[in-house]
Amino acid sequence: MLPKLSRFLKIVREINLDAIRERAEAPCRIAVVADDPGDREAMAALLMGDADASHPWLSLVSPDQVGASIADQAPDLALIVSRTGEVPASLESARGMLVSKKMPVVTALIGAFSQRDVLPRRGEQRRIALPSLAPDQADALATSLFDLVAPDTRIALARQFPGLRKPLFDQIIEETSRANASYAFSTGVAEIVPLLDVPLNIGDIVVLTKNQAIMAYRIALAAGKTGRPADVIGELIGVVGGSLLWRQIAREMIGLIPVIGIIPKVAVAYGGTWAIGHAAVAWATGAEDATRRSVRRLYAAGLVRGRKIARQIAARSSHAA
């Protein structure tokens, strides 16, 4: 018999989602510094995506305005935009001022540059090279920025700057899906012992469900969702619960049958988590309704990926042995 919805909600309530929300809602201010006003505005457009480029946590400043900007409200991250590998004196002065205040500095070079050009200079956390400031460079910018900050800060950044969200959604989904697959494999080995089968699989469902709930809530926060955690998760369950969550739990129960083996169990753990993550993105961003057809499509795609991941995990395990 499958767990009742009340059991799922009980599992979710055991997670400290308030702590996740507090970190995601923490201020994360960015200052964009460039000589050219057009470059400042284009970088702001990359950060904001389709949203209004006017944001209280986004400052667009010329190099000579940096001192006053810092005194007024210090940014958590400074993004210097340059068209040359050796930045102009004006930007060099602004960078020195930011570094002296111990602020993380990223220099974005716009155009074609050599590997030497993108080596960080003194005081810079990173240099990144973007061919242009066109909208299709937003994902590359996001990936570079996320490499510099803690996971919780990534959610805060994406929450405030919509242009950074897509790579983070993909990252959260992939990390959680692989974690669930690895967990399913590790417990699947023990479940070859028939007497341990039932308790370990019930434990699996609890662990996998918690991971999926945290994943979905982090996605919701990164997408800008507001409200109490219970309300946000409840809304998600209402949208995708009947058509996906319980189908996923049902398929996870195949692990109760010892003869089926570990590979299908791992594939389901990955594929179901992947599908739930993408359904959560569609719901949180309003990109697509979670219809039965879309859910089936997501789950089918997730299983294809899950089988590949399952074989990779099994191969690594056999080599390690």
Protein backbone atom coordinates (compact mmCIF):
# COMPACT_ATOMS: atom_id res chain seq x y z
CA MET A 1 0.00 0.00 0.00
CA LEU A 2 1.34 3.45 -0.85
CA PRO A 3 1.89 6.06 1.86
CA LYS A 4 -1.00 8.43 2.39
CA LEU A 5 -0.68 12.11 1.49
CA SER A 6 -0.68 12.94 5.21
CA ARG A 7 2.47 10.83 5.57
CA PHE A 8 4.16 12.80 2.81
CA LEU A 9 3.22 16.08 4.48
CA LYS A 10 4.56 14.77 7.78
CA ILE A 11 7.88 14.02 6.13
CA VAL A 12 7.99 17.53 4.68
CA ARG A 13 7.19 19.14 8.04
CA GLU A 14 10.22 17.43 9.58
CA ILE A 15 12.53 19.46 7.33
CA ASN A 16 13.79 22.85 8.52
CA LEU A 17 12.66 24.80 5.48
CA ASP A 18 12.59 28.08 7.42
CA ALA A 19 16.39 28.06 7.64
CA ILE A 20 16.62 27.55 3.88
CA ARG A 21 14.22 30.45 3.31
CA GLU A 22 16.11 32.82 5.62
CA ARG A 23 19.36 32.23 3.78
CA ALA A 24 17.68 32.58 0.38
CA GLU A 25 16.08 35.89 1.38
CA ALA A 26 19.33 37.38 2.70
CA PRO A 27 20.49 40.55 0.89
CA CYS A 28 22.85 39.96 -2.01
CA ARG A 29 23.77 43.25 -3.69
CA ILE A 30 25.68 43.59 -6.94
CA ALA A 31 27.48 46.68 -8.20
CA VAL A 32 28.18 46.84 -11.95
CA VAL A 33 31.10 49.15 -12.72
CA ALA A 34 31.94 50.20 -16.30
CA ASP A 35 33.13 53.25 -18.18
CA ASP A 36 30.45 52.89 -20.84
CA PRO A 37 26.85 53.44 -19.66
CA GLY A 38 25.71 51.09 -22.42
CA ASP A 39 27.87 48.29 -20.99
CA ARG A 40 26.45 48.88 -17.52
CA GLU A 41 22.92 48.66 -18.85
CA ALA A 42 23.63 45.59 -20.97
CA MET A 43 25.18 43.77 -17.99
CA ALA A 44 22.15 44.72 -15.90
CA ALA A 45 19.93 43.22 -18.61
CA LEU A 46 21.89 39.95 -18.43
CA LEU A 47 21.43 39.83 -14.66
CA MET A 48 17.74 40.70 -14.72
CA GLY A 49 16.62 38.74 -17.79
CA ASP A 50 13.12 39.75 -18.81
CA ALA A 51 12.51 41.56 -15.51
CA ASP A 52 12.77 45.30 -14.98
CA ALA A 53 16.45 46.25 -14.84
CA SER A 54 15.67 48.65 -11.98
CA HIS A 55 16.33 46.73 -8.76
CA PRO A 56 17.14 48.03 -5.25
CA TRP A 57 20.01 45.53 -4.92
CA LEU A 58 21.58 46.33 -8.29
CA SER A 59 23.77 49.42 -8.64
CA LEU A 60 25.07 50.68 -11.98
CA VAL A 61 27.97 53.02 -11.34
CA SER A 62 30.73 54.71 -13.27
CA PRO A 63 34.28 54.32 -11.91
CA ASP A 64 34.25 57.78 -10.34
CA GLN A 65 31.03 56.96 -8.49
CA VAL A 66 32.38 53.85 -6.76
CA GLY A 67 33.55 55.63 -3.61
CA ALA A 68 30.17 57.25 -2.98
CA SER A 69 28.36 54.03 -3.86
CA ILE A 70 30.38 52.03 -1.34
CA ALA A 71 29.80 54.61 1.37
CA ASP A 72 26.06 54.60 0.71
CA GLN A 73 25.49 50.84 0.53
CA ALA A 74 28.32 48.37 0.16
CA PRO A 75 27.69 45.63 -2.46
CA ASP A 76 28.21 41.96 -1.71
CA LEU A 77 29.75 41.47 -5.15
CA ALA A 78 31.34 43.92 -7.58
CA LEU A 79 31.24 43.18 -11.30
CA ILE A 80 33.70 45.22 -13.37
CA VAL A 81 33.05 45.32 -17.13
CA SER A 82 36.01 45.93 -19.44
CA ARG A 83 36.58 45.76 -23.19
CA THR A 84 40.35 45.31 -22.76
CA GLY A 85 42.45 42.71 -20.95
CA GLU A 86 44.44 45.40 -19.16
CA VAL A 87 41.61 47.43 -17.71
CA PRO A 88 41.69 51.22 -18.17
CA ALA A 89 43.15 53.37 -15.38
CA SER A 90 39.70 54.49 -14.31
CA LEU A 91 38.53 50.91 -13.77
CA GLU A 92 41.85 49.96 -12.17
CA SER A 93 41.35 52.71 -9.60
CA ALA A 94 37.79 51.58 -8.92
CA ARG A 95 38.96 47.98 -8.54
CA GLY A 96 41.62 49.02 -6.04
CA MET A 97 39.03 50.85 -3.98
CA LEU A 98 36.73 47.82 -3.93
CA VAL A 99 39.54 45.44 -3.04
CA SER A 100 40.62 47.71 -0.17
CA LYS A 101 37.14 47.28 1.29
CA LYS A 102 37.51 43.48 0.99
CA MET A 103 34.67 43.14 -1.50
CA PRO A 104 34.60 40.19 -3.93
CA VAL A 105 35.52 41.48 -7.39
CA VAL A 106 34.79 39.77 -10.71
CA THR A 107 36.05 41.32 -13.93
CA ALA A 108 34.02 40.51 -17.04
CA LEU A 109 36.00 40.92 -20.25
CA ILE A 110 33.81 41.54 -23.27
CA GLY A 111 35.18 40.30 -26.59
CA ALA A 112 37.78 37.75 -27.71
CA PHE A 113 40.62 37.18 -25.24
CA SER A 114 43.53 34.83 -24.67
CA GLN A 115 43.87 32.48 -21.72
CA ARG A 116 46.47 34.81 -20.26
CA ASP A 117 44.01 37.70 -20.36
CA VAL A 118 41.50 35.85 -18.20
CA LEU A 119 43.95 35.04 -15.41
CA PRO A 120 42.76 36.95 -12.31
CA ARG A 121 44.73 40.07 -11.39
CA ARG A 122 45.58 41.09 -7.87
CA GLY A 123 42.46 41.39 -5.74
CA GLU A 124 40.14 39.80 -8.30
CA GLN A 125 38.28 36.65 -7.35
CA ARG A 126 37.80 35.81 -10.99
CA ARG A 127 37.98 36.99 -14.57
CA ILE A 128 35.44 35.80 -17.09
CA ALA A 129 35.38 36.33 -20.83
CA LEU A 130 32.09 36.84 -22.64
CA PRO A 131 32.04 37.20 -26.45
CA SER A 132 29.37 39.89 -26.06
CA LEU A 133 26.74 41.22 -23.70
CA ALA A 134 23.96 39.64 -25.76
CA PRO A 135 21.15 37.82 -23.90
CA ASP A 136 22.53 34.39 -24.86
CA GLN A 137 25.54 35.00 -22.58
CA ALA A 138 23.45 35.05 -19.40
CA ASP A 139 23.99 31.35 -18.61
CA ALA A 140 27.77 31.64 -18.94
CA LEU A 141 27.75 34.68 -16.65
CA ALA A 142 25.59 32.87 -14.10
CA THR A 143 27.77 29.76 -14.06
CA SER A 144 30.89 31.83 -13.43
CA LEU A 145 29.29 33.83 -10.62
CA PHE A 146 27.89 30.73 -8.92
CA ASP A 147 31.36 29.17 -8.83
CA LEU A 148 32.43 32.00 -6.54
CA VAL A 149 29.72 31.88 -3.89
CA ALA A 150 28.30 29.40 -1.41
CA PRO A 151 25.26 27.29 -2.42
CA ASP A 152 22.91 29.33 -0.22
CA THR A 153 24.14 32.56 -1.79
CA ARG A 154 23.47 31.12 -5.25
CA ILE A 155 19.79 30.85 -4.38
CA ALA A 156 19.77 34.41 -3.04
CA LEU A 157 21.41 35.66 -6.24
CA ALA A 158 18.99 33.82 -8.53
CA ARG A 159 16.02 34.94 -6.43
CA GLN A 160 16.86 38.60 -7.00
CA PHE A 161 18.38 38.39 -10.48
CA PRO A 162 16.16 36.30 -12.79
CA GLY A 163 18.71 36.18 -15.60
CA LEU A 164 20.85 33.87 -13.46
CA ARG A 165 18.17 31.31 -12.67
CA LYS A 166 18.26 28.65 -15.39
CA PRO A 167 21.77 27.29 -14.69
CA LEU A 168 20.95 27.15 -10.98
CA PHE A 169 17.74 25.20 -11.59
CA ASP A 170 19.71 22.69 -13.67
CA GLN A 171 22.42 22.46 -11.03
CA ILE A 172 20.01 21.88 -8.14
CA ILE A 173 18.11 19.21 -10.07
CA GLU A 174 21.23 17.36 -11.22
CA GLU A 175 22.89 17.41 -7.79
CA THR A 176 19.76 16.12 -6.05
CA SER A 177 19.03 13.49 -8.69
CA ARG A 178 22.57 12.12 -8.49
CA ALA A 179 22.50 12.18 -4.69
CA ASN A 180 19.27 10.18 -4.67
CA ALA A 181 20.65 7.74 -7.24
CA SER A 182 23.81 7.20 -5.18
CA TYR A 183 21.76 6.71 -2.03
CA ALA A 184 19.48 4.21 -3.76
CA PHE A 185 22.52 2.29 -4.97
CA SER A 186 24.12 2.18 -1.52
CA THR A 187 20.96 0.86 0.14
CA GLY A 188 20.20 -1.39 -2.82
CA VAL A 189 23.31 -3.41 -2.05
CA ALA A 190 22.05 -4.11 1.47
CA GLU A 191 18.56 -4.93 0.21
CA ILE A 192 19.80 -8.09 -1.46
CA VAL A 193 19.29 -9.56 2.03
CA PRO A 194 15.54 -10.42 1.90
CA LEU A 195 14.84 -9.86 5.60
CA LEU A 196 16.10 -6.28 5.37
CA ASP A 197 14.08 -5.49 2.28
CA VAL A 198 10.96 -3.82 3.66
CA PRO A 199 12.43 -1.58 6.36
CA LEU A 200 15.23 -0.33 4.14
CA ASN A 201 12.88 0.52 1.29
CA ILE A 202 10.51 2.41 3.54
CA GLY A 203 13.54 4.30 4.82
CA ASP A 204 14.54 4.97 1.23
CA ILE A 205 11.19 6.58 0.49
CA VAL A 206 11.55 8.91 3.47
CA VAL A 207 15.10 9.95 2.53
CA LEU A 208 14.36 10.36 -1.19
CA THR A 209 11.17 12.30 -0.46
CA LYS A 210 12.97 14.69 1.89
CA ASN A 211 15.63 15.35 -0.71
CA GLN A 212 12.99 15.94 -3.38
CA ALA A 213 11.03 18.32 -1.13
CA ILE A 214 14.15 20.35 -0.31
CA MET A 215 15.05 20.44 -4.00
CA ALA A 216 11.60 21.69 -4.97
CA TYR A 217 11.59 24.34 -2.25
CA ARG A 218 15.04 25.61 -3.21
CA ILE A 219 13.82 25.88 -6.81
CA ALA A 220 10.73 27.77 -5.65
CA LEU A 221 12.85 30.21 -3.64
CA ALA A 222 15.29 30.73 -6.51
CA ALA A 223 12.31 31.47 -8.77
CA GLY A 224 11.15 34.20 -6.39
CA LYS A 225 8.26 32.39 -4.70
CA THR A 226 7.12 33.89 -1.40
CA GLY A 227 5.05 32.66 1.53
CA ARG A 228 5.38 30.18 4.36
CA PRO A 229 7.27 27.00 3.43
CA ALA A 230 4.23 24.84 4.16
CA ASP A 231 2.11 26.96 1.82
CA VAL A 232 4.66 26.86 -1.00
CA ILE A 233 5.14 23.10 -0.75
CA GLY A 234 1.41 22.63 -0.41
CA GLU A 235 0.84 24.58 -3.63
CA LEU A 236 3.42 22.45 -5.41
CA ILE A 237 1.78 19.25 -4.20
CA GLY A 238 -1.55 20.57 -5.41
CA VAL A 239 -0.12 21.17 -8.88
CA VAL A 240 2.06 18.11 -9.47
CA GLY A 241 1.29 15.84 -6.53
CA GLY A 242 -1.38 13.57 -7.91
CA SER A 243 0.17 13.22 -11.32
CA LEU A 244 3.81 12.80 -10.39
CA LEU A 245 4.81 12.54 -6.74
CA TRP A 246 2.76 9.47 -5.97
CA ARG A 247 3.63 7.81 -9.26
CA GLN A 248 7.27 8.34 -8.31
CA ILE A 249 6.75 6.79 -4.86
CA ALA A 250 4.96 3.84 -6.44
CA ARG A 251 7.87 3.21 -8.78
CA GLU A 252 10.36 3.54 -5.94
CA MET A 253 8.52 0.65 -4.32
CA ILE A 254 9.88 -1.66 -7.03
CA GLY A 255 12.89 -1.93 -4.75
CA LEU A 256 10.71 -4.14 -2.50
CA ILE A 257 11.10 -6.88 -5.11
CA PRO A 258 14.60 -8.32 -4.69
CA VAL A 259 14.75 -10.07 -8.07
CA ILE A 260 14.37 -6.81 -10.00
CA GLY A 261 17.86 -5.72 -9.02
CA ILE A 262 19.68 -2.51 -8.20
CA ILE A 263 19.94 -0.83 -11.63
CA PRO A 264 16.18 -0.21 -12.09
CA LYS A 265 15.92 1.09 -8.52
CA VAL A 266 18.76 3.57 -9.07
CA ALA A 267 17.33 4.63 -12.44
CA VAL A 268 13.95 5.32 -10.83
CA ALA A 269 15.49 7.28 -7.95
CA TYR A 270 17.38 9.50 -10.39
CA GLY A 271 14.69 9.75 -13.06
CA GLY A 272 11.85 10.46 -10.68
CA THR A 273 13.82 13.14 -8.86
CA TRP A 274 14.85 14.71 -12.16
CA ALA A 275 11.24 14.76 -13.34
CA ILE A 276 9.97 16.28 -10.08
CA GLY A 277 12.67 18.96 -10.29
CA HIS A 278 11.72 19.99 -13.81
CA ALA A 279 8.01 19.91 -12.95
CA ALA A 280 8.82 22.21 -10.01
CA VAL A 281 10.65 24.60 -12.34
CA ALA A 282 7.70 24.69 -14.74
CA TRP A 283 5.34 25.40 -11.84
CA ALA A 284 7.56 27.97 -10.08
CA THR A 285 8.33 29.95 -13.24
CA GLY A 286 4.90 29.60 -14.83
CA ALA A 287 6.60 28.29 -17.97
CA GLU A 288 4.31 25.29 -18.38
CA ASP A 289 1.34 23.66 -16.66
CA ALA A 290 2.06 20.27 -15.09
CA THR A 291 -0.37 18.28 -17.22
CA ARG A 292 -0.43 14.50 -17.27
CA ARG A 293 1.16 14.53 -20.70
CA SER A 294 4.00 16.84 -19.64
CA VAL A 295 4.56 14.79 -16.49
CA ARG A 296 4.77 11.55 -18.47
CA ARG A 297 7.21 13.20 -20.86
CA LEU A 298 9.39 14.41 -18.00
CA TYR A 299 9.37 11.04 -16.29
CA ALA A 300 10.24 9.20 -19.51
CA ALA A 301 13.16 11.57 -20.15
CA GLY A 302 14.29 11.23 -16.54
CA LEU A 303 14.31 7.44 -16.75
CA VAL A 304 16.47 7.50 -19.88
CA ARG A 305 19.00 9.66 -18.05
CA GLY A 306 18.58 7.58 -14.89
CA ARG A 307 19.52 4.31 -16.61
CA LYS A 308 22.75 5.87 -17.87
CA ILE A 309 23.58 7.23 -14.41
CA ALA A 310 22.75 3.86 -12.81
CA ARG A 311 25.14 2.04 -15.12
CA GLN A 312 27.86 4.61 -14.44
CA ILE A 313 27.47 4.23 -10.67
CA ALA A 314 27.51 0.45 -10.94
CA ALA A 315 30.62 0.53 -13.15
CA ARG A 316 32.48 2.80 -10.74
CA SER A 317 31.51 0.55 -7.85
CA SER A 318 32.78 -2.57 -9.62
CA HIS A 319 36.08 -0.86 -10.51
CA ALA A 320 36.52 0.31 -6.91
CA ALA A 321 35.91 -3.23 -5.66
